[in-house]
């Protein structure tokens, strides 16, 4: 059968957010329509402040839930705790990418934390793409 997938974005309704909470964390008396609406408004406020957040993972949705005044459930707290286990690995990956980025950044004689398209492609995109330009 067809499975309905709920994506929590700036376009999601409060009802959709509650559906996603139920999907990821089961039933909880805190998961009300009023809280869903408050979470929807928090998403818009975060966007207005320029914060680029992710709300579709257990961790992202749990953090939004807490920002919106909810008290973390044990399942939410566990998801957040587990995410910390990956932090050293993620930091190492980011450091490795930043080192490669910096190597290519100065190739245009300006170290401005920006790459030209060519340098981005040659420095890292080529191994992951079939062609240089797509028509």
N, C-alpha and C. Protein backbone atom coordinates (compact mmCIF):
# COMPACT_ATOMS: atom_id res chain seq x y z
N UNK A 1 0.80 -1.18 0.00
CA UNK A 1 0.00 0.00 0.00
C UNK A 1 0.85 1.26 0.00
N UNK A 2 0.18 2.33 -0.08
CA UNK A 2 0.84 3.64 -0.09
C UNK A 2 0.99 4.12 1.36
N UNK A 3 2.19 4.56 1.69
CA UNK A 3 2.46 5.07 3.03
C UNK A 3 2.54 6.59 2.96
N UNK A 4 1.79 7.25 3.80
CA UNK A 4 1.82 8.72 3.83
C UNK A 4 3.05 9.17 4.61
N UNK A 5 3.85 10.00 3.98
CA UNK A 5 5.06 10.52 4.62
C UNK A 5 4.82 11.98 4.96
N UNK A 6 5.01 12.31 6.22
CA UNK A 6 4.84 13.69 6.67
C UNK A 6 6.22 14.33 6.76
N UNK A 7 6.38 15.47 6.08
CA UNK A 7 7.62 16.24 6.13
C UNK A 7 7.34 17.51 6.92
N UNK A 8 8.15 17.77 7.92
CA UNK A 8 7.97 18.96 8.74
C UNK A 8 8.83 20.07 8.15
N UNK A 9 8.16 21.04 7.53
CA UNK A 9 8.81 22.19 6.91
C UNK A 9 8.03 23.44 7.30
N UNK A 10 8.41 24.57 6.74
CA UNK A 10 7.68 25.81 7.01
C UNK A 10 6.26 25.75 6.47
N UNK A 11 5.97 24.80 5.60
CA UNK A 11 4.63 24.66 5.03
C UNK A 11 3.76 23.68 5.81
N UNK A 12 4.32 22.98 6.78
CA UNK A 12 3.56 21.98 7.53
C UNK A 12 2.56 22.65 8.47
N UNK A 13 1.41 22.01 8.61
CA UNK A 13 0.39 22.50 9.56
C UNK A 13 0.71 21.93 10.94
N UNK A 14 0.07 22.50 11.96
CA UNK A 14 0.23 21.97 13.31
C UNK A 14 -0.20 20.52 13.38
N UNK A 15 -1.26 20.17 12.66
CA UNK A 15 -1.76 18.79 12.64
C UNK A 15 -0.71 17.84 12.06
N UNK A 16 -0.03 18.29 11.01
CA UNK A 16 1.00 17.45 10.39
C UNK A 16 2.17 17.25 11.35
N UNK A 17 2.52 18.28 12.09
CA UNK A 17 3.62 18.17 13.04
C UNK A 17 3.28 17.15 14.13
N UNK A 18 2.04 17.19 14.61
CA UNK A 18 1.61 16.22 15.61
C UNK A 18 1.64 14.81 15.04
N UNK A 19 1.24 14.65 13.77
CA UNK A 19 1.31 13.33 13.13
C UNK A 19 2.75 12.82 13.13
N UNK A 20 3.71 13.71 12.85
CA UNK A 20 5.12 13.32 12.82
C UNK A 20 5.60 12.96 14.23
N UNK A 21 5.15 13.71 15.24
CA UNK A 21 5.50 13.36 16.62
C UNK A 21 4.99 11.96 16.97
N UNK A 22 3.76 11.66 16.61
CA UNK A 22 3.20 10.33 16.87
C UNK A 22 3.99 9.25 16.12
N UNK A 23 4.35 9.54 14.88
CA UNK A 23 5.10 8.58 14.06
C UNK A 23 6.44 8.24 14.70
N UNK A 24 7.15 9.26 15.18
CA UNK A 24 8.50 9.05 15.71
C UNK A 24 8.53 8.65 17.18
N UNK A 25 7.56 9.16 17.98
CA UNK A 25 7.65 8.97 19.42
C UNK A 25 6.42 8.31 20.06
N UNK A 26 5.44 7.95 19.26
CA UNK A 26 4.25 7.32 19.83
C UNK A 26 3.30 8.34 20.43
N UNK A 27 2.39 7.85 21.23
CA UNK A 27 1.37 8.72 21.85
C UNK A 27 1.94 9.39 23.10
N UNK A 28 1.52 10.62 23.32
CA UNK A 28 1.88 11.35 24.54
C UNK A 28 0.84 12.43 24.75
N UNK A 29 0.38 12.63 25.99
CA UNK A 29 -0.65 13.65 26.24
C UNK A 29 -0.21 15.07 25.88
N UNK A 30 1.09 15.31 25.78
CA UNK A 30 1.57 16.64 25.41
C UNK A 30 1.34 16.95 23.94
N UNK A 31 1.17 15.91 23.11
CA UNK A 31 1.06 16.08 21.66
C UNK A 31 -0.36 16.53 21.31
N UNK A 32 -0.62 17.81 21.49
CA UNK A 32 -1.95 18.37 21.23
C UNK A 32 -1.92 19.26 20.00
N UNK A 33 -3.10 19.58 19.50
CA UNK A 33 -3.19 20.50 18.35
C UNK A 33 -2.59 21.85 18.69
N UNK A 34 -2.83 22.31 19.93
CA UNK A 34 -2.30 23.62 20.34
C UNK A 34 -0.77 23.60 20.31
N UNK A 35 -0.17 22.51 20.79
CA UNK A 35 1.29 22.42 20.77
C UNK A 35 1.78 22.35 19.33
N UNK A 36 1.10 21.59 18.48
CA UNK A 36 1.47 21.52 17.07
C UNK A 36 1.48 22.89 16.42
N UNK A 37 0.47 23.69 16.74
CA UNK A 37 0.40 25.05 16.19
C UNK A 37 1.54 25.91 16.72
N UNK A 38 1.87 25.74 18.00
CA UNK A 38 2.98 26.49 18.59
C UNK A 38 4.30 26.08 17.93
N UNK A 39 4.45 24.79 17.66
CA UNK A 39 5.66 24.31 16.99
C UNK A 39 5.75 24.86 15.57
N UNK A 40 4.62 24.93 14.88
CA UNK A 40 4.59 25.51 13.53
C UNK A 40 5.07 26.95 13.57
N UNK A 41 4.59 27.72 14.54
CA UNK A 41 5.00 29.12 14.67
C UNK A 41 6.49 29.22 15.02
N UNK A 42 6.99 28.28 15.81
CA UNK A 42 8.42 28.28 16.17
C UNK A 42 9.27 28.02 14.93
N UNK A 43 8.81 27.14 14.05
CA UNK A 43 9.53 26.90 12.78
C UNK A 43 9.64 28.19 11.99
N UNK A 44 8.54 28.92 11.89
CA UNK A 44 8.54 30.18 11.14
C UNK A 44 9.43 31.21 11.81
N UNK A 45 9.41 31.25 13.13
CA UNK A 45 10.27 32.20 13.88
C UNK A 45 11.74 31.86 13.65
N UNK A 46 12.08 30.57 13.70
CA UNK A 46 13.46 30.16 13.44
C UNK A 46 13.90 30.58 12.04
N UNK A 47 13.01 30.40 11.08
CA UNK A 47 13.34 30.78 9.69
C UNK A 47 13.52 32.30 9.59
N UNK A 48 12.65 33.03 10.26
CA UNK A 48 12.74 34.49 10.23
C UNK A 48 14.06 34.99 10.82
N UNK A 49 14.57 34.26 11.82
CA UNK A 49 15.84 34.61 12.45
C UNK A 49 17.05 34.11 11.65
N UNK A 50 16.78 33.45 10.52
CA UNK A 50 17.87 32.96 9.68
C UNK A 50 18.43 31.63 10.14
N UNK A 51 17.77 30.97 11.06
CA UNK A 51 18.24 29.67 11.56
C UNK A 51 17.78 28.58 10.61
N UNK A 52 18.72 27.84 10.09
CA UNK A 52 18.40 26.74 9.18
C UNK A 52 18.40 25.47 10.01
N UNK A 53 17.24 25.00 10.34
CA UNK A 53 17.08 23.83 11.19
C UNK A 53 16.48 22.67 10.41
N UNK A 54 16.64 21.48 10.93
CA UNK A 54 16.10 20.27 10.35
C UNK A 54 15.12 19.70 11.36
N UNK A 55 13.90 19.38 10.93
CA UNK A 55 12.85 18.95 11.86
C UNK A 55 12.30 17.57 11.55
N UNK A 56 12.88 16.82 10.65
CA UNK A 56 12.30 15.53 10.26
C UNK A 56 12.94 14.34 10.95
N UNK A 57 14.07 14.52 11.58
CA UNK A 57 14.69 13.43 12.33
C UNK A 57 14.15 13.45 13.76
N UNK A 58 14.40 12.38 14.48
CA UNK A 58 13.98 12.33 15.88
C UNK A 58 14.61 13.48 16.66
N UNK A 59 15.90 13.70 16.44
CA UNK A 59 16.61 14.75 17.18
C UNK A 59 16.09 16.13 16.82
N UNK A 60 15.94 16.40 15.52
CA UNK A 60 15.46 17.71 15.08
C UNK A 60 14.07 18.02 15.61
N UNK A 61 13.18 17.03 15.55
CA UNK A 61 11.81 17.24 16.02
C UNK A 61 11.77 17.37 17.54
N UNK A 62 12.58 16.60 18.24
CA UNK A 62 12.63 16.70 19.70
C UNK A 62 13.13 18.08 20.14
N UNK A 63 14.12 18.60 19.44
CA UNK A 63 14.64 19.92 19.80
C UNK A 63 13.60 21.00 19.54
N UNK A 64 12.87 20.89 18.43
CA UNK A 64 11.79 21.83 18.15
C UNK A 64 10.71 21.73 19.22
N UNK A 65 10.38 20.52 19.61
CA UNK A 65 9.38 20.27 20.65
C UNK A 65 9.78 21.00 21.94
N UNK A 66 11.04 20.85 22.33
CA UNK A 66 11.52 21.50 23.56
C UNK A 66 11.54 23.03 23.41
N UNK A 67 11.97 23.53 22.25
CA UNK A 67 11.97 24.98 21.99
C UNK A 67 10.57 25.55 22.12
N UNK A 68 9.58 24.73 21.79
CA UNK A 68 8.19 25.18 21.77
C UNK A 68 7.50 25.02 23.12
N UNK A 69 8.26 24.66 24.14
CA UNK A 69 7.69 24.57 25.48
C UNK A 69 7.32 23.18 25.95
N UNK A 70 7.56 22.16 25.12
CA UNK A 70 7.27 20.80 25.52
C UNK A 70 8.34 20.25 26.45
N UNK A 71 7.98 19.28 27.27
CA UNK A 71 8.93 18.60 28.15
C UNK A 71 9.34 17.31 27.45
N UNK A 72 10.63 17.15 27.22
CA UNK A 72 11.12 15.99 26.48
C UNK A 72 10.62 14.69 27.09
N UNK A 73 10.15 13.79 26.23
CA UNK A 73 9.76 12.46 26.67
C UNK A 73 11.04 11.63 26.80
N UNK A 74 10.97 10.48 27.50
CA UNK A 74 12.17 9.63 27.58
C UNK A 74 12.72 9.23 26.21
N UNK A 75 11.84 8.94 25.25
CA UNK A 75 12.29 8.56 23.90
C UNK A 75 13.02 9.72 23.22
N UNK A 76 12.54 10.94 23.43
CA UNK A 76 13.19 12.12 22.85
C UNK A 76 14.56 12.33 23.47
N UNK A 77 14.62 12.23 24.79
CA UNK A 77 15.90 12.42 25.49
C UNK A 77 16.92 11.37 25.04
N UNK A 78 16.46 10.14 24.85
CA UNK A 78 17.34 9.07 24.40
C UNK A 78 17.86 9.35 22.99
N UNK A 79 16.99 9.83 22.10
CA UNK A 79 17.40 10.14 20.73
C UNK A 79 18.47 11.23 20.73
N UNK A 80 18.28 12.26 21.56
CA UNK A 80 19.26 13.34 21.64
C UNK A 80 20.58 12.82 22.22
N UNK A 81 20.50 12.00 23.26
CA UNK A 81 21.72 11.44 23.86
C UNK A 81 22.50 10.60 22.86
N UNK A 82 21.78 9.78 22.08
CA UNK A 82 22.44 8.93 21.08
C UNK A 82 23.13 9.77 20.02
N UNK A 83 22.54 10.91 19.68
CA UNK A 83 23.13 11.74 18.63
C UNK A 83 24.49 12.28 19.04
N UNK A 84 24.70 12.43 20.34
CA UNK A 84 25.99 12.94 20.81
C UNK A 84 27.11 11.94 20.58
N UNK A 85 26.77 10.65 20.45
CA UNK A 85 27.79 9.63 20.20
C UNK A 85 28.49 9.86 18.87
N UNK A 86 27.81 10.47 17.91
CA UNK A 86 28.38 10.69 16.58
C UNK A 86 29.15 12.00 16.46
N UNK A 87 29.08 12.85 17.46
CA UNK A 87 29.69 14.18 17.35
C UNK A 87 31.18 14.16 17.01
N UNK A 88 32.01 13.31 17.65
CA UNK A 88 33.43 13.33 17.29
C UNK A 88 33.66 12.95 15.83
N UNK A 89 32.93 11.96 15.33
CA UNK A 89 33.07 11.55 13.93
C UNK A 89 32.64 12.67 12.99
N UNK A 90 31.52 13.31 13.29
CA UNK A 90 31.02 14.41 12.46
C UNK A 90 32.02 15.56 12.46
N UNK A 91 32.56 15.89 13.63
CA UNK A 91 33.55 16.97 13.72
C UNK A 91 34.78 16.65 12.86
N UNK A 92 35.24 15.41 12.91
CA UNK A 92 36.39 15.01 12.08
C UNK A 92 36.09 15.16 10.60
N UNK A 93 34.88 14.77 10.18
CA UNK A 93 34.51 14.92 8.77
C UNK A 93 34.47 16.39 8.36
N UNK A 94 33.89 17.23 9.21
CA UNK A 94 33.82 18.65 8.90
C UNK A 94 35.22 19.25 8.82
N UNK A 95 36.10 18.88 9.76
CA UNK A 95 37.47 19.38 9.74
C UNK A 95 38.20 18.96 8.46
N UNK A 96 37.98 17.71 8.04
CA UNK A 96 38.60 17.21 6.82
C UNK A 96 38.10 17.97 5.59
N UNK A 97 36.80 18.19 5.53
CA UNK A 97 36.23 18.94 4.41
C UNK A 97 36.73 20.37 4.41
N UNK A 98 36.79 21.01 5.58
CA UNK A 98 37.26 22.39 5.68
C UNK A 98 38.72 22.51 5.23
N UNK A 99 39.52 21.51 5.57
CA UNK A 99 40.93 21.52 5.15
C UNK A 99 41.03 21.47 3.62
N UNK A 100 40.22 20.62 2.98
CA UNK A 100 40.21 20.55 1.51
C UNK A 100 39.66 21.84 0.91
N UNK A 101 38.62 22.39 1.55
CA UNK A 101 38.02 23.64 1.08
C UNK A 101 39.07 24.75 1.08
N UNK A 102 39.79 24.89 2.20
CA UNK A 102 40.80 25.94 2.33
C UNK A 102 41.91 25.78 1.30
N UNK A 103 42.24 24.54 0.98
CA UNK A 103 43.26 24.27 -0.03
C UNK A 103 42.86 24.85 -1.38
N UNK A 104 41.59 24.71 -1.74
CA UNK A 104 41.10 25.21 -3.03
C UNK A 104 40.66 26.66 -2.98
N UNK A 105 40.37 27.19 -1.82
CA UNK A 105 39.88 28.57 -1.70
C UNK A 105 40.88 29.59 -2.21
N UNK A 106 42.14 29.41 -1.94
CA UNK A 106 43.15 30.39 -2.34
C UNK A 106 43.60 30.29 -3.77
N UNK A 107 43.07 29.36 -4.52
CA UNK A 107 43.52 29.15 -5.90
C UNK A 107 43.18 30.33 -6.81
N UNK A 108 42.20 31.15 -6.41
CA UNK A 108 41.87 32.33 -7.21
C UNK A 108 42.55 33.57 -6.65
N UNK A 109 43.59 33.36 -5.83
CA UNK A 109 44.41 34.41 -5.23
C UNK A 109 43.68 35.19 -4.13
N UNK A 110 42.48 34.78 -3.76
CA UNK A 110 41.72 35.45 -2.71
C UNK A 110 41.21 34.40 -1.73
N UNK A 111 41.61 34.48 -0.47
CA UNK A 111 41.09 33.56 0.56
C UNK A 111 39.86 34.21 1.18
N UNK A 112 38.69 33.93 0.60
CA UNK A 112 37.46 34.58 1.05
C UNK A 112 36.39 33.57 1.48
N UNK A 113 36.81 32.31 1.70
CA UNK A 113 35.89 31.25 2.12
C UNK A 113 34.84 30.96 1.05
N UNK A 114 35.19 31.24 -0.21
CA UNK A 114 34.30 30.98 -1.34
C UNK A 114 35.11 30.30 -2.44
N UNK A 115 34.48 29.34 -3.11
CA UNK A 115 35.13 28.65 -4.21
C UNK A 115 34.46 29.03 -5.52
N UNK A 116 35.25 29.09 -6.57
CA UNK A 116 34.66 29.24 -7.90
C UNK A 116 34.01 27.89 -8.24
N UNK A 117 33.14 27.89 -9.22
CA UNK A 117 32.51 26.63 -9.63
C UNK A 117 33.58 25.62 -10.06
N UNK A 118 34.54 26.09 -10.84
CA UNK A 118 35.60 25.19 -11.33
C UNK A 118 36.37 24.56 -10.17
N UNK A 119 36.75 25.38 -9.19
CA UNK A 119 37.52 24.85 -8.07
C UNK A 119 36.68 23.91 -7.21
N UNK A 120 35.40 24.21 -7.06
CA UNK A 120 34.52 23.31 -6.32
C UNK A 120 34.44 21.96 -7.03
N UNK A 121 34.26 22.00 -8.35
CA UNK A 121 34.13 20.77 -9.11
C UNK A 121 35.42 19.96 -9.08
N UNK A 122 36.53 20.61 -9.36
CA UNK A 122 37.81 19.91 -9.41
C UNK A 122 38.21 19.43 -8.01
N UNK A 123 37.96 20.25 -7.01
CA UNK A 123 38.38 19.93 -5.65
C UNK A 123 37.58 18.84 -4.97
N UNK A 124 36.36 18.61 -5.39
CA UNK A 124 35.58 17.60 -4.69
C UNK A 124 34.39 17.09 -5.44
N UNK A 125 33.88 17.85 -6.37
CA UNK A 125 32.66 17.44 -7.06
C UNK A 125 32.88 16.40 -8.14
N UNK A 126 34.04 16.42 -8.78
CA UNK A 126 34.28 15.54 -9.91
C UNK A 126 34.10 14.05 -9.58
N UNK A 127 34.63 13.58 -8.46
CA UNK A 127 34.46 12.14 -8.17
C UNK A 127 33.01 11.73 -7.95
N UNK A 128 32.15 12.68 -7.64
CA UNK A 128 30.76 12.36 -7.31
C UNK A 128 29.77 12.73 -8.40
N UNK A 129 30.25 13.24 -9.51
CA UNK A 129 29.36 13.66 -10.60
C UNK A 129 29.83 13.05 -11.91
N UNK A 130 28.89 12.75 -12.78
CA UNK A 130 29.22 12.14 -14.06
C UNK A 130 29.72 13.13 -15.09
N UNK A 131 29.33 14.41 -14.94
CA UNK A 131 29.73 15.38 -15.95
C UNK A 131 29.94 16.75 -15.32
N UNK A 132 30.68 17.58 -16.02
CA UNK A 132 31.02 18.91 -15.53
C UNK A 132 29.83 19.84 -15.59
N UNK A 133 29.11 19.85 -16.67
CA UNK A 133 27.91 20.67 -16.85
C UNK A 133 26.80 19.78 -17.39
N UNK A 134 25.60 20.08 -17.03
CA UNK A 134 24.45 19.33 -17.55
C UNK A 134 23.61 20.27 -18.38
N UNK A 135 23.16 19.80 -19.53
CA UNK A 135 22.36 20.68 -20.38
C UNK A 135 20.90 20.35 -20.28
